[in-house]
Amino acid sequence: MVKTSSKLRWEVIAGVLVLLTLAMFLVPRLDGMVMGNDTNTILIRASIKEAGGFDKRSIEVNAGEKITFDIYSMDMTHSFIINDDRLESDVDTGPIHTGEHGTVEVVFDEPGEYIFRCGVYCSDLHGAMTGKITVL
């Protein structure tokens, strides 16, 4: 029996969606594989807010330590930005394309709360793609 092209097209689309969904759940635990045991490196996975946003939205670090943020873009172009007058300069990974990493190093000299956000418009809920770093 020969399938119609319309039905075949929908089966292909459904198959691709299943594979993409599986890939998101089967992404290897990059924390240990990519970063080793470096406790001053924090891996954050970025997805559109509708899919969860930043996978780490609340982070604690110690004042005076150099922290490396490794941002992995899961689904589309994102970025990682911290704009705060207490920092020597703004933190910005620049655009991070799907499947790529962007890293930035930051030293938080002053205790307190710092807000990070996505700086690339990524979805209708882009403005809610934020998180908090608490510096002890």
Protein backbone atom coordinates (compact mmCIF):
# COMPACT_ATOMS: atom_id res chain seq x y z
CA MET A 1 0.00 0.00 0.00
CA VAL A 2 1.41 3.41 -1.00
CA LYS A 3 0.99 6.22 1.51
CA THR A 4 -0.16 9.61 0.38
CA SER A 5 2.48 12.33 0.50
CA SER A 6 0.45 14.30 3.05
CA LYS A 7 0.21 11.37 5.46
CA LEU A 8 3.89 10.53 4.95
CA ARG A 9 4.84 14.16 5.61
CA TRP A 10 2.97 14.15 8.94
CA GLU A 11 4.61 10.88 9.94
CA VAL A 12 8.03 12.37 9.23
CA ILE A 13 7.18 15.51 11.21
CA ALA A 14 5.93 13.38 14.13
CA GLY A 15 9.11 11.29 14.01
CA VAL A 16 11.32 14.37 14.06
CA LEU A 17 9.39 15.79 17.02
CA VAL A 18 9.79 12.53 18.93
CA LEU A 19 13.54 12.50 18.21
CA LEU A 20 13.93 16.14 19.32
CA THR A 21 12.01 15.44 22.51
CA LEU A 22 14.16 12.40 23.27
CA ALA A 23 17.33 14.35 22.55
CA MET A 24 16.39 17.00 25.12
CA PHE A 25 15.99 14.35 27.81
CA LEU A 26 19.00 12.31 26.76
CA VAL A 27 21.47 15.20 26.64
CA PRO A 28 24.42 13.90 28.66
CA ARG A 29 25.04 15.42 32.05
CA LEU A 30 27.43 18.05 30.78
CA ASP A 31 28.26 19.34 34.27
CA GLY A 32 30.86 16.67 35.00
CA MET A 33 31.80 15.76 31.44
CA VAL A 34 32.63 19.24 30.23
CA MET A 35 33.61 20.99 33.42
CA GLY A 36 35.17 18.19 35.44
CA ASN A 37 35.03 18.81 39.16
CA ASP A 38 35.66 22.54 39.04
CA THR A 39 33.34 23.83 41.75
CA ASN A 40 33.73 27.43 40.56
CA THR A 41 32.19 26.64 37.17
CA ILE A 42 28.42 26.72 36.94
CA LEU A 43 26.71 25.16 33.93
CA ILE A 44 23.35 26.71 33.08
CA ARG A 45 21.13 25.33 30.33
CA ALA A 46 19.04 27.95 28.56
CA SER A 47 15.72 27.14 26.91
CA ILE A 48 12.85 29.45 26.01
CA LYS A 49 10.80 30.35 29.09
CA GLU A 50 7.88 28.27 27.85
CA ALA A 51 10.22 25.23 28.07
CA GLY A 52 11.57 26.17 31.51
CA GLY A 53 13.95 29.07 30.87
CA PHE A 54 17.30 28.87 32.68
CA ASP A 55 17.59 25.50 34.42
CA LYS A 56 19.29 27.21 37.37
CA ARG A 57 17.35 30.28 38.45
CA SER A 58 18.76 30.63 41.97
CA ILE A 59 22.51 30.35 42.52
CA GLU A 60 24.69 30.91 45.60
CA VAL A 61 28.37 31.82 45.37
CA ASN A 62 30.99 33.22 47.75
CA ALA A 63 32.20 36.81 47.53
CA GLY A 64 35.70 37.23 46.11
CA GLU A 65 35.80 33.94 44.19
CA LYS A 66 36.17 33.85 40.43
CA ILE A 67 33.08 32.12 39.02
CA THR A 68 32.84 30.81 35.48
CA PHE A 69 29.35 30.64 34.05
CA ASP A 70 29.05 28.18 31.17
CA ILE A 71 25.77 28.75 29.36
CA TYR A 72 24.50 26.04 27.01
CA SER A 73 21.75 27.02 24.58
CA MET A 74 19.26 24.17 24.26
CA ASP A 75 16.73 25.36 21.70
CA MET A 76 17.51 28.70 20.08
CA THR A 77 19.81 31.70 20.42
CA HIS A 78 20.12 33.01 23.98
CA SER A 79 22.61 35.04 26.01
CA PHE A 80 23.55 35.60 29.66
CA ILE A 81 23.74 39.15 30.98
CA ILE A 82 24.37 40.72 34.38
CA ASN A 83 24.09 44.51 34.56
CA ASP A 84 25.02 45.70 38.04
CA ASP A 85 26.94 48.79 39.20
CA ARG A 86 28.77 46.70 41.82
CA LEU A 87 30.62 44.81 39.08
CA GLU A 88 33.69 46.25 37.34
CA SER A 89 31.92 45.84 33.99
CA ASP A 90 28.73 44.38 32.57
CA VAL A 91 28.69 40.62 32.02
CA ASP A 92 27.51 39.48 28.58
CA THR A 93 28.19 36.24 26.74
CA GLY A 94 26.89 37.68 23.51
CA PRO A 95 24.61 35.47 21.39
CA ILE A 96 24.85 31.73 22.08
CA HIS A 97 23.39 29.69 19.23
CA THR A 98 21.52 26.39 19.63
CA GLY A 99 23.83 23.60 20.77
CA GLU A 100 26.68 25.98 21.61
CA HIS A 101 28.27 27.21 24.84
CA GLY A 102 29.13 30.71 25.94
CA THR A 103 31.29 31.38 28.99
CA VAL A 104 31.97 34.39 31.17
CA GLU A 105 34.07 34.80 34.30
CA VAL A 106 32.89 37.02 37.13
CA VAL A 107 34.24 38.01 40.53
CA PHE A 108 31.51 39.25 42.87
CA ASP A 109 33.35 41.39 45.42
CA GLU A 110 30.27 42.52 47.32
CA PRO A 111 27.70 40.26 49.00
CA GLY A 112 24.09 40.68 47.91
CA GLU A 113 21.72 39.67 45.15
CA TYR A 114 22.52 40.01 41.45
CA ILE A 115 20.02 39.45 38.65
CA PHE A 116 20.92 37.69 35.41
CA ARG A 117 18.80 37.57 32.28
CA CYS A 118 18.70 36.53 28.66
CA GLY A 119 19.66 39.42 26.41
CA VAL A 120 18.45 37.98 23.09
CA TYR A 121 14.73 38.07 22.32
CA CYS A 122 13.86 34.37 22.32
CA SER A 123 10.08 34.08 22.81
CA ASP A 124 6.97 35.94 23.92
CA LEU A 125 8.01 35.29 27.54
CA HIS A 126 11.57 36.53 26.98
CA GLY A 127 11.21 39.22 29.66
CA ALA A 128 10.62 36.53 32.29
CA MET A 129 13.86 34.72 31.47
CA THR A 130 15.78 35.79 34.55
CA GLY A 131 17.51 34.36 37.59
CA LYS A 132 19.16 35.43 40.83
CA ILE A 133 22.70 35.02 42.12
CA THR A 134 23.10 35.36 45.88
CA VAL A 135 26.62 36.30 46.88
CA LEU A 136 27.48 35.31 50.45
